[in-house]
Amino acid sequence: MLVNSFPRKEAEAVQLLIEDGQGADVDVSFLPKEKQQELVDLAARLGRQCCVFAGSFSTDKKKADAAELKAPDEVLRMLPGGKRVWVGAGKLQEFDANEKAIAELLAKIQAKNAEKQARSLTEEESAYFDKIQEDYLSALAKRNGIAKGMELSESVKVYKKESWKKLEEHY
């Protein structure tokens, strides 16, 4: 969708660079820096390492070290239910520990909920149940803070010109 907002010539050249890794650098200086960074991030999530060097989108590895904009070091993680998120490599341990806490809290909530269905909880048990629910919501909020860009976890469809075969990639 981002590339479709470019002028036709630049859009086709960027698409060719992302799909095949071939072609000359493409001028993207007409885009705001945030959109340039988004383009680099999305291309990296699709498996094409690139950068913006001197206002041009490039897949030249030699330019990456001196580039103004390059993709952050991110790792793909799957959430329960199949949702995919990208986590900065530096926050991976924190994210994984938080995911473990989420799973443990959810198991406790489900067990207490089942117990609540079978009998009335004591006041102390109700307080504990409320506490683990609050902890669970806090852990979910922490997940959202760690895995920035979750809103970019939608499906992307890439079409190859020569075969028009649809490739579905998730970033």
Protein backbone atom coordinates (compact mmCIF):
# COMPACT_ATOMS: atom_id res chain seq x y z
CA MET A 1 0.00 0.00 0.00
CA LEU A 2 2.86 2.34 0.82
CA VAL A 3 4.53 1.77 -2.55
CA ASN A 4 1.22 2.41 -4.33
CA SER A 5 1.31 5.97 -3.03
CA PHE A 6 4.62 6.62 -4.88
CA PRO A 7 4.94 8.01 -8.39
CA ARG A 8 4.68 5.10 -10.85
CA LYS A 9 8.34 5.02 -11.90
CA GLU A 10 9.63 4.99 -8.30
CA ALA A 11 6.94 2.51 -7.21
CA GLU A 12 7.92 0.02 -9.91
CA ALA A 13 11.63 0.42 -9.16
CA VAL A 14 11.12 -0.04 -5.39
CA GLN A 15 8.90 -3.06 -6.02
CA LEU A 16 11.58 -4.63 -8.23
CA LEU A 17 14.26 -4.00 -5.58
CA ILE A 18 12.13 -5.56 -2.84
CA GLU A 19 10.93 -8.54 -4.89
CA ASP A 20 14.12 -9.43 -6.74
CA GLY A 21 16.89 -7.41 -5.08
CA GLN A 22 17.79 -6.09 -8.51
CA GLY A 23 17.94 -2.63 -9.97
CA ALA A 24 19.45 0.72 -9.26
CA ASP A 25 18.86 2.74 -6.11
CA VAL A 26 15.54 4.61 -6.10
CA ASP A 27 15.13 8.23 -5.07
CA VAL A 28 12.74 8.39 -2.09
CA SER A 29 13.74 11.87 -0.92
CA PHE A 30 10.20 13.06 -1.72
CA LEU A 31 8.95 11.01 1.25
CA PRO A 32 9.06 12.22 4.85
CA LYS A 33 11.75 10.47 6.92
CA GLU A 34 9.07 8.50 8.84
CA LYS A 35 7.73 7.01 5.60
CA GLN A 36 11.26 6.26 4.39
CA GLN A 37 11.91 4.39 7.66
CA GLU A 38 8.60 2.54 7.32
CA LEU A 39 9.59 1.44 3.80
CA VAL A 40 12.95 0.14 5.04
CA ASP A 41 11.31 -1.64 8.00
CA LEU A 42 8.64 -3.29 5.86
CA ALA A 43 11.15 -4.41 3.23
CA ALA A 44 13.32 -5.94 5.97
CA ARG A 45 10.30 -7.74 7.42
CA LEU A 46 9.70 -9.19 3.95
CA GLY A 47 13.28 -10.45 3.93
CA ARG A 48 15.00 -7.77 1.86
CA GLN A 49 17.75 -5.95 3.74
CA CYS A 50 17.94 -2.38 2.54
CA CYS A 51 18.62 1.16 3.63
CA VAL A 52 18.14 4.78 2.66
CA PHE A 53 21.47 6.25 1.62
CA ALA A 54 21.73 9.87 0.44
CA GLY A 55 17.95 10.01 -0.10
CA SER A 56 17.81 6.80 -2.13
CA PHE A 57 16.34 3.41 -1.28
CA SER A 58 19.10 0.85 -1.74
CA THR A 59 19.82 -2.86 -1.29
CA ASP A 60 23.58 -2.30 -1.58
CA LYS A 61 25.13 -3.86 1.54
CA LYS A 62 28.17 -1.59 1.24
CA LYS A 63 25.98 1.47 1.77
CA ALA A 64 24.21 0.06 4.81
CA ASP A 65 26.95 0.97 7.31
CA ALA A 66 26.88 4.64 6.32
CA ALA A 67 23.12 4.84 5.69
CA GLU A 68 20.92 7.48 7.29
CA LEU A 69 18.11 4.96 7.71
CA LYS A 70 18.31 1.21 8.12
CA ALA A 71 16.06 -1.48 9.51
CA PRO A 72 16.29 -2.14 13.23
CA ASP A 73 17.41 -5.56 14.39
CA GLU A 74 14.04 -7.26 14.94
CA VAL A 75 12.83 -10.80 15.55
CA LEU A 76 9.45 -12.21 14.59
CA ARG A 77 7.41 -13.69 17.43
CA MET A 78 4.11 -15.53 17.23
CA LEU A 79 1.42 -14.74 19.77
CA PRO A 80 -1.30 -17.16 20.78
CA GLY A 81 -3.98 -17.09 18.12
CA GLY A 82 -1.44 -16.74 15.33
CA LYS A 83 -0.83 -12.99 15.51
CA ARG A 84 2.72 -12.05 14.58
CA VAL A 85 4.69 -9.20 16.12
CA TRP A 86 8.17 -7.82 15.65
CA VAL A 87 10.32 -7.37 18.72
CA GLY A 88 13.59 -5.48 18.89
CA ALA A 89 16.45 -7.93 19.44
CA GLY A 90 17.50 -6.02 22.56
CA LYS A 91 14.08 -6.54 24.15
CA LEU A 92 13.68 -10.19 23.21
CA GLN A 93 14.44 -11.64 26.66
CA GLU A 94 12.07 -9.18 28.32
CA PHE A 95 9.36 -10.00 25.77
CA ASP A 96 9.79 -13.77 26.18
CA ALA A 97 9.71 -13.50 29.99
CA ASN A 98 6.56 -11.39 29.76
CA GLU A 99 4.93 -13.92 27.41
CA LYS A 100 5.70 -16.67 29.92
CA ALA A 101 4.10 -14.57 32.68
CA ILE A 102 1.04 -13.96 30.48
CA ALA A 103 0.62 -17.69 29.89
CA GLU A 104 0.97 -18.49 33.60
CA LEU A 105 -1.48 -15.77 34.62
CA LEU A 106 -3.98 -16.89 32.01
CA ALA A 107 -3.80 -20.46 33.30
CA LYS A 108 -4.41 -19.23 36.86
CA ILE A 109 -7.36 -17.10 35.70
CA GLN A 110 -8.90 -20.02 33.84
CA ALA A 111 -8.48 -22.34 36.85
CA LYS A 112 -9.98 -19.79 39.24
CA ASN A 113 -12.80 -19.10 36.78
CA ALA A 114 -13.62 -22.81 36.62
CA GLU A 115 -13.54 -22.96 40.41
CA LYS A 116 -15.82 -19.91 40.54
CA GLN A 117 -18.31 -21.70 38.29
CA ALA A 118 -18.41 -24.71 40.65
CA ARG A 119 -18.69 -22.82 43.92
CA SER A 120 -18.69 -19.38 45.48
CA LEU A 121 -15.24 -18.00 46.15
CA THR A 122 -14.27 -16.77 49.58
CA GLU A 123 -13.49 -13.11 50.02
CA GLU A 124 -9.76 -13.92 50.05
CA GLU A 125 -10.08 -16.00 46.86
CA SER A 126 -12.04 -13.23 45.15
CA ALA A 127 -9.32 -10.72 46.05
CA TYR A 128 -6.68 -13.10 44.64
CA PHE A 129 -8.76 -13.56 41.46
CA ASP A 130 -9.03 -9.77 41.02
CA LYS A 131 -5.27 -9.42 41.58
CA ILE A 132 -4.29 -11.98 38.93
CA GLN A 133 -6.70 -10.37 36.47
CA GLU A 134 -5.04 -6.98 37.08
CA ASP A 135 -1.59 -8.57 36.70
CA TYR A 136 -2.72 -10.16 33.43
CA LEU A 137 -3.93 -6.82 32.03
CA SER A 138 -0.65 -5.20 33.10
CA ALA A 139 1.34 -7.94 31.33
CA LEU A 140 -0.72 -7.40 28.16
CA ALA A 141 -0.02 -3.67 28.33
CA LYS A 142 3.68 -4.42 28.78
CA ARG A 143 3.56 -6.68 25.68
CA ASN A 144 2.14 -3.79 23.65
CA GLY A 145 4.92 -1.52 24.88
CA ILE A 146 7.70 -3.97 24.07
CA ALA A 147 6.39 -5.05 20.65
CA LYS A 148 6.00 -1.67 19.03
CA GLY A 149 4.57 -1.74 15.56
CA MET A 150 1.97 -4.37 16.34
CA GLU A 151 -0.37 -2.35 14.16
CA LEU A 152 1.90 -3.25 11.24
CA SER A 153 1.33 -6.96 11.70
CA GLU A 154 -1.29 -7.15 8.97
CA SER A 155 -0.83 -9.44 5.97
CA VAL A 156 1.04 -8.15 2.97
CA LYS A 157 0.46 -9.56 -0.47
CA VAL A 158 3.33 -9.36 -2.94
CA TYR A 159 2.70 -9.96 -6.62
CA LYS A 160 5.52 -10.98 -8.96
CA LYS A 161 5.22 -9.33 -12.35
CA GLU A 162 6.45 -12.21 -14.47
CA SER A 163 4.18 -14.89 -13.06
CA TRP A 164 1.47 -12.88 -11.28
CA LYS A 165 1.59 -15.63 -8.72
CA LYS A 166 0.47 -14.30 -5.37
CA LEU A 167 2.92 -14.80 -2.57
CA GLU A 168 1.55 -14.21 0.87
CA GLU A 169 4.03 -13.04 3.43
CA HIS A 170 3.38 -11.90 6.94
CA TYR A 171 5.72 -9.41 8.52
